[in-house]
């Protein structure tokens, strides 16, 4: 069956459209496909609800140092449900950089390296956090039989190499695709093609890029209604 809606499928389709079958070009196509996915994720400041993750934490130290998850993008909301502000609402700490800016603030947070530092709270404090993530860094697998999950457009079904439980199948799908790849496949495909044509100094880059930007504008318009963009 032909694969569709996955990262490896994009690379295969770009190879077919451009006729660039050599290994070096496949590697470049994969690189451009990853770039296109993230490019569209943040197009025009878009912060799609699909990229929002919510979590509940408990401080185990003071200050509390929370290692940022892989592909962390930015904090959307941070609050302490057991600490109430003057309006009896969960306290939302201020984002302050280290230095004089936080001398008069009891609760604040900042980012240092690969961690989020929450200052002022004590051990055992509950923390609710919502944050945006970037897309996974997908790997290209050339042989379809070796792909952990594939989607057949003709039957509208997923098949799996080894996964049998619902949990394992969801994990397999996450390794090969995400919402933007699956739902906006043609946009990612065209954006990747446009980059390859440009790299090859091919005249088709102009029309391909124009189509890509048109698809991207449609994408942003459609997703803005269900996003947290400012």
Protein backbone atom coordinates (compact mmCIF):
# COMPACT_ATOMS: atom_id res chain seq x y z
CA UNK A 1 0.00 0.00 0.00
CA UNK A 2 1.08 3.61 -0.48
CA UNK A 3 1.86 5.58 2.66
CA UNK A 4 0.16 8.96 3.22
CA UNK A 5 0.16 11.68 5.84
CA UNK A 6 3.46 10.70 7.43
CA UNK A 7 6.93 12.23 7.35
CA UNK A 8 8.41 9.42 5.29
CA UNK A 9 5.51 9.70 2.84
CA UNK A 10 6.31 13.40 2.30
CA UNK A 11 9.93 12.57 1.50
CA UNK A 12 8.84 9.78 -0.88
CA UNK A 13 6.39 12.07 -2.67
CA UNK A 14 8.94 14.87 -3.04
CA UNK A 15 11.45 12.35 -4.44
CA UNK A 16 8.80 11.26 -6.94
CA UNK A 17 7.90 14.82 -7.94
CA UNK A 18 11.48 16.03 -8.30
CA UNK A 19 13.08 12.84 -9.57
CA UNK A 20 15.95 13.25 -7.09
CA UNK A 21 16.50 9.69 -5.93
CA UNK A 22 20.09 9.87 -4.65
CA UNK A 23 20.70 9.40 -0.92
CA UNK A 24 22.21 12.85 -0.42
CA UNK A 25 19.15 14.53 -1.89
CA UNK A 26 16.78 12.35 0.17
CA UNK A 27 18.61 13.60 3.26
CA UNK A 28 18.20 17.20 2.12
CA UNK A 29 14.52 16.64 1.36
CA UNK A 30 14.01 15.29 4.89
CA UNK A 31 15.78 18.36 6.28
CA UNK A 32 13.58 20.72 4.26
CA UNK A 33 10.43 18.84 5.27
CA UNK A 34 11.26 19.29 8.97
CA UNK A 35 11.96 22.96 8.35
CA UNK A 36 8.63 23.37 6.54
CA UNK A 37 6.65 21.77 9.37
CA UNK A 38 8.04 24.15 11.98
CA UNK A 39 7.81 27.07 9.57
CA UNK A 40 4.07 26.47 9.26
CA UNK A 41 3.59 25.84 12.99
CA UNK A 42 4.72 29.36 13.78
CA UNK A 43 3.52 31.08 10.60
CA UNK A 44 2.34 34.64 11.31
CA UNK A 45 2.74 34.07 15.05
CA UNK A 46 0.31 31.14 15.06
CA UNK A 47 -0.05 29.29 18.36
CA UNK A 48 -2.40 26.45 17.51
CA UNK A 49 -4.40 24.69 20.20
CA UNK A 50 -3.09 21.41 18.74
CA UNK A 51 0.37 22.33 20.06
CA UNK A 52 -0.80 23.16 23.60
CA UNK A 53 0.11 20.74 26.41
CA UNK A 54 -1.34 20.97 29.93
CA UNK A 55 0.30 19.42 32.98
CA UNK A 56 0.03 19.41 36.76
CA UNK A 57 3.24 19.44 38.81
CA UNK A 58 4.24 19.40 42.47
CA UNK A 59 7.32 21.33 43.61
CA UNK A 60 9.96 19.07 45.14
CA UNK A 61 12.40 21.87 46.00
CA UNK A 62 12.50 25.62 46.63
CA UNK A 63 13.08 27.17 44.19
CA UNK A 64 11.49 24.55 42.00
CA UNK A 65 13.48 23.64 38.89
CA UNK A 66 11.35 22.06 36.16
CA UNK A 67 13.28 20.51 33.23
CA UNK A 68 11.69 21.73 30.02
CA UNK A 69 10.18 18.88 27.98
CA UNK A 70 11.69 18.01 24.64
CA UNK A 71 10.43 20.34 21.88
CA UNK A 72 9.29 22.92 24.48
CA UNK A 73 8.33 26.18 22.75
CA UNK A 74 6.99 28.64 25.33
CA UNK A 75 4.83 28.96 28.44
CA UNK A 76 1.19 29.87 27.86
CA UNK A 77 -0.21 29.79 31.41
CA UNK A 78 1.35 29.12 34.80
CA UNK A 79 -0.57 29.19 38.08
CA UNK A 80 -0.57 27.96 41.67
CA UNK A 81 -4.08 26.60 42.43
CA UNK A 82 -3.54 26.51 46.21
CA UNK A 83 -2.16 30.07 46.42
CA UNK A 84 -4.84 32.72 45.89
CA UNK A 85 -4.38 36.31 44.81
CA UNK A 86 -6.27 39.38 46.07
CA UNK A 87 -9.30 38.35 43.99
CA UNK A 88 -9.29 34.82 45.44
CA UNK A 89 -8.11 33.41 42.11
CA UNK A 90 -5.18 31.03 41.59
CA UNK A 91 -1.98 33.06 41.67
CA UNK A 92 -0.20 33.49 38.34
CA UNK A 93 3.52 34.21 38.88
CA UNK A 94 5.21 36.93 36.87
CA UNK A 95 7.82 36.13 34.24
CA UNK A 96 10.89 38.07 35.37
CA UNK A 97 14.50 37.76 34.28
CA UNK A 98 17.05 37.33 37.10
CA UNK A 99 18.24 40.65 38.54
CA UNK A 100 16.71 43.77 40.03
CA UNK A 101 13.36 43.26 38.26
CA UNK A 102 12.21 40.69 40.80
CA UNK A 103 13.35 42.25 44.07
CA UNK A 104 9.79 43.29 44.99
CA UNK A 105 8.04 40.17 43.65
CA UNK A 106 7.40 37.13 45.85
CA UNK A 107 6.49 34.67 43.13
CA UNK A 108 8.13 34.72 39.71
CA UNK A 109 9.64 32.39 37.13
CA UNK A 110 12.31 32.53 34.47
CA UNK A 111 14.01 30.22 32.00
CA UNK A 112 17.62 29.17 32.47
CA UNK A 113 19.14 26.82 29.92
CA UNK A 114 16.93 23.76 29.64
CA UNK A 115 14.95 24.47 32.83
CA UNK A 116 12.11 26.63 34.10
CA UNK A 117 12.90 28.13 37.52
CA UNK A 118 9.92 28.84 39.81
CA UNK A 119 10.96 31.04 42.72
CA UNK A 120 9.04 31.78 45.92
CA UNK A 121 7.05 28.57 46.26
CA UNK A 122 7.73 25.91 48.89
CA UNK A 123 8.10 22.15 48.61
CA UNK A 124 4.73 20.51 47.94
CA UNK A 125 3.21 23.49 46.11
CA UNK A 126 0.92 22.44 43.27
CA UNK A 127 1.68 23.97 39.86
CA UNK A 128 -0.58 24.00 36.82
CA UNK A 129 1.17 24.74 33.55
CA UNK A 130 0.13 24.98 29.91
CA UNK A 131 2.84 25.30 27.29
CA UNK A 132 3.34 25.12 23.53
CA UNK A 133 5.59 22.59 21.85
CA UNK A 134 7.30 22.37 18.49
CA UNK A 135 6.89 19.40 16.18
CA UNK A 136 8.86 16.21 16.75
CA UNK A 137 12.05 15.82 14.76
CA UNK A 138 10.81 13.02 12.53
CA UNK A 139 13.14 10.46 10.98
CA UNK A 140 12.87 9.27 7.39
CA UNK A 141 12.57 5.51 6.90
CA UNK A 142 12.95 4.56 3.25
CA UNK A 143 11.56 1.01 3.32
CA UNK A 144 7.81 1.08 3.92
CA UNK A 145 7.94 -2.32 5.59
CA UNK A 146 10.25 -0.88 8.26
CA UNK A 147 7.96 2.01 9.18
CA UNK A 148 6.35 1.59 12.59
CA UNK A 149 3.05 3.03 11.33
CA UNK A 150 1.59 3.77 7.89
CA UNK A 151 -1.68 5.27 6.72
CA UNK A 152 -3.51 3.88 3.70
CA UNK A 153 -5.57 6.60 2.05
CA UNK A 154 -7.63 4.12 0.03
CA UNK A 155 -8.89 2.26 3.11
CA UNK A 156 -8.60 5.22 5.51
CA UNK A 157 -6.83 3.04 8.07
CA UNK A 158 -3.54 2.85 9.93
CA UNK A 159 -1.42 -0.30 9.89
CA UNK A 160 1.44 -1.04 12.27
CA UNK A 161 4.66 -2.98 12.08
CA UNK A 162 4.44 -4.44 15.59
CA UNK A 163 2.11 -2.29 17.74
CA UNK A 164 -1.08 -4.05 18.86
CA UNK A 165 -2.41 -2.16 21.89
CA UNK A 166 -4.08 1.24 21.55
CA UNK A 167 -1.31 2.83 23.62
CA UNK A 168 1.46 1.34 21.50
CA UNK A 169 -0.33 2.29 18.30
CA UNK A 170 -0.69 5.91 19.44
CA UNK A 171 3.02 5.96 20.28
CA UNK A 172 3.85 4.54 16.84
CA UNK A 173 1.75 7.17 15.08
CA UNK A 174 3.50 9.92 17.07
CA UNK A 175 6.85 8.72 15.70
CA UNK A 176 5.80 9.16 12.08
CA UNK A 177 3.20 11.94 11.96
CA UNK A 178 1.37 14.71 13.77
CA UNK A 179 -1.69 16.91 13.25
CA UNK A 180 -0.01 19.31 10.85
CA UNK A 181 1.52 16.56 8.69
CA UNK A 182 -1.66 14.54 8.56
CA UNK A 183 -4.25 17.29 8.15
CA UNK A 184 -2.19 19.69 6.02
CA UNK A 185 -0.11 17.21 4.05
CA UNK A 186 -0.27 19.04 0.71
CA UNK A 187 1.05 22.24 2.33
CA UNK A 188 4.08 20.47 3.79
CA UNK A 189 4.63 18.63 0.51
CA UNK A 190 4.53 21.82 -1.57
CA UNK A 191 6.70 23.77 0.87
CA UNK A 192 9.33 21.04 0.74
CA UNK A 193 9.20 20.89 -3.06
CA UNK A 194 9.61 24.66 -3.29
CA UNK A 195 12.80 24.50 -1.22
CA UNK A 196 14.23 21.71 -3.36
CA UNK A 197 13.45 23.52 -6.61
CA UNK A 198 15.10 26.65 -5.23
CA UNK A 199 18.19 24.70 -4.15
CA UNK A 200 18.42 23.26 -7.66
CA UNK A 201 17.92 26.72 -9.25
CA UNK A 202 14.88 25.30 -11.06
CA UNK A 203 12.30 27.75 -12.44
CA UNK A 204 9.52 25.68 -10.92
CA UNK A 205 10.51 27.09 -7.53
CA UNK A 206 8.57 30.30 -8.25
CA UNK A 207 5.18 28.68 -8.90
CA UNK A 208 5.75 26.04 -6.22
CA UNK A 209 6.55 28.67 -3.58
CA UNK A 210 3.49 30.72 -4.59
CA UNK A 211 1.25 27.67 -4.16
CA UNK A 212 2.91 26.86 -0.84
CA UNK A 213 2.30 30.37 0.52
CA UNK A 214 -1.30 30.23 -0.65
CA UNK A 215 -1.82 26.93 1.17
CA UNK A 216 -0.05 28.32 4.23
CA UNK A 217 -2.33 31.38 4.28
CA UNK A 218 -5.38 29.09 4.10
CA UNK A 219 -3.91 27.06 6.94
CA UNK A 220 -3.31 30.08 9.17
CA UNK A 221 -6.81 31.41 8.48
CA UNK A 222 -8.38 28.06 9.33
CA UNK A 223 -6.35 27.52 12.50
CA UNK A 224 -6.51 31.08 13.85
CA UNK A 225 -10.09 30.58 15.01
CA UNK A 226 -8.90 27.79 17.31
CA UNK A 227 -5.57 29.20 18.41
CA UNK A 228 -3.99 31.25 21.19
CA UNK A 229 -2.24 33.68 18.88
CA UNK A 230 -2.14 37.29 19.98
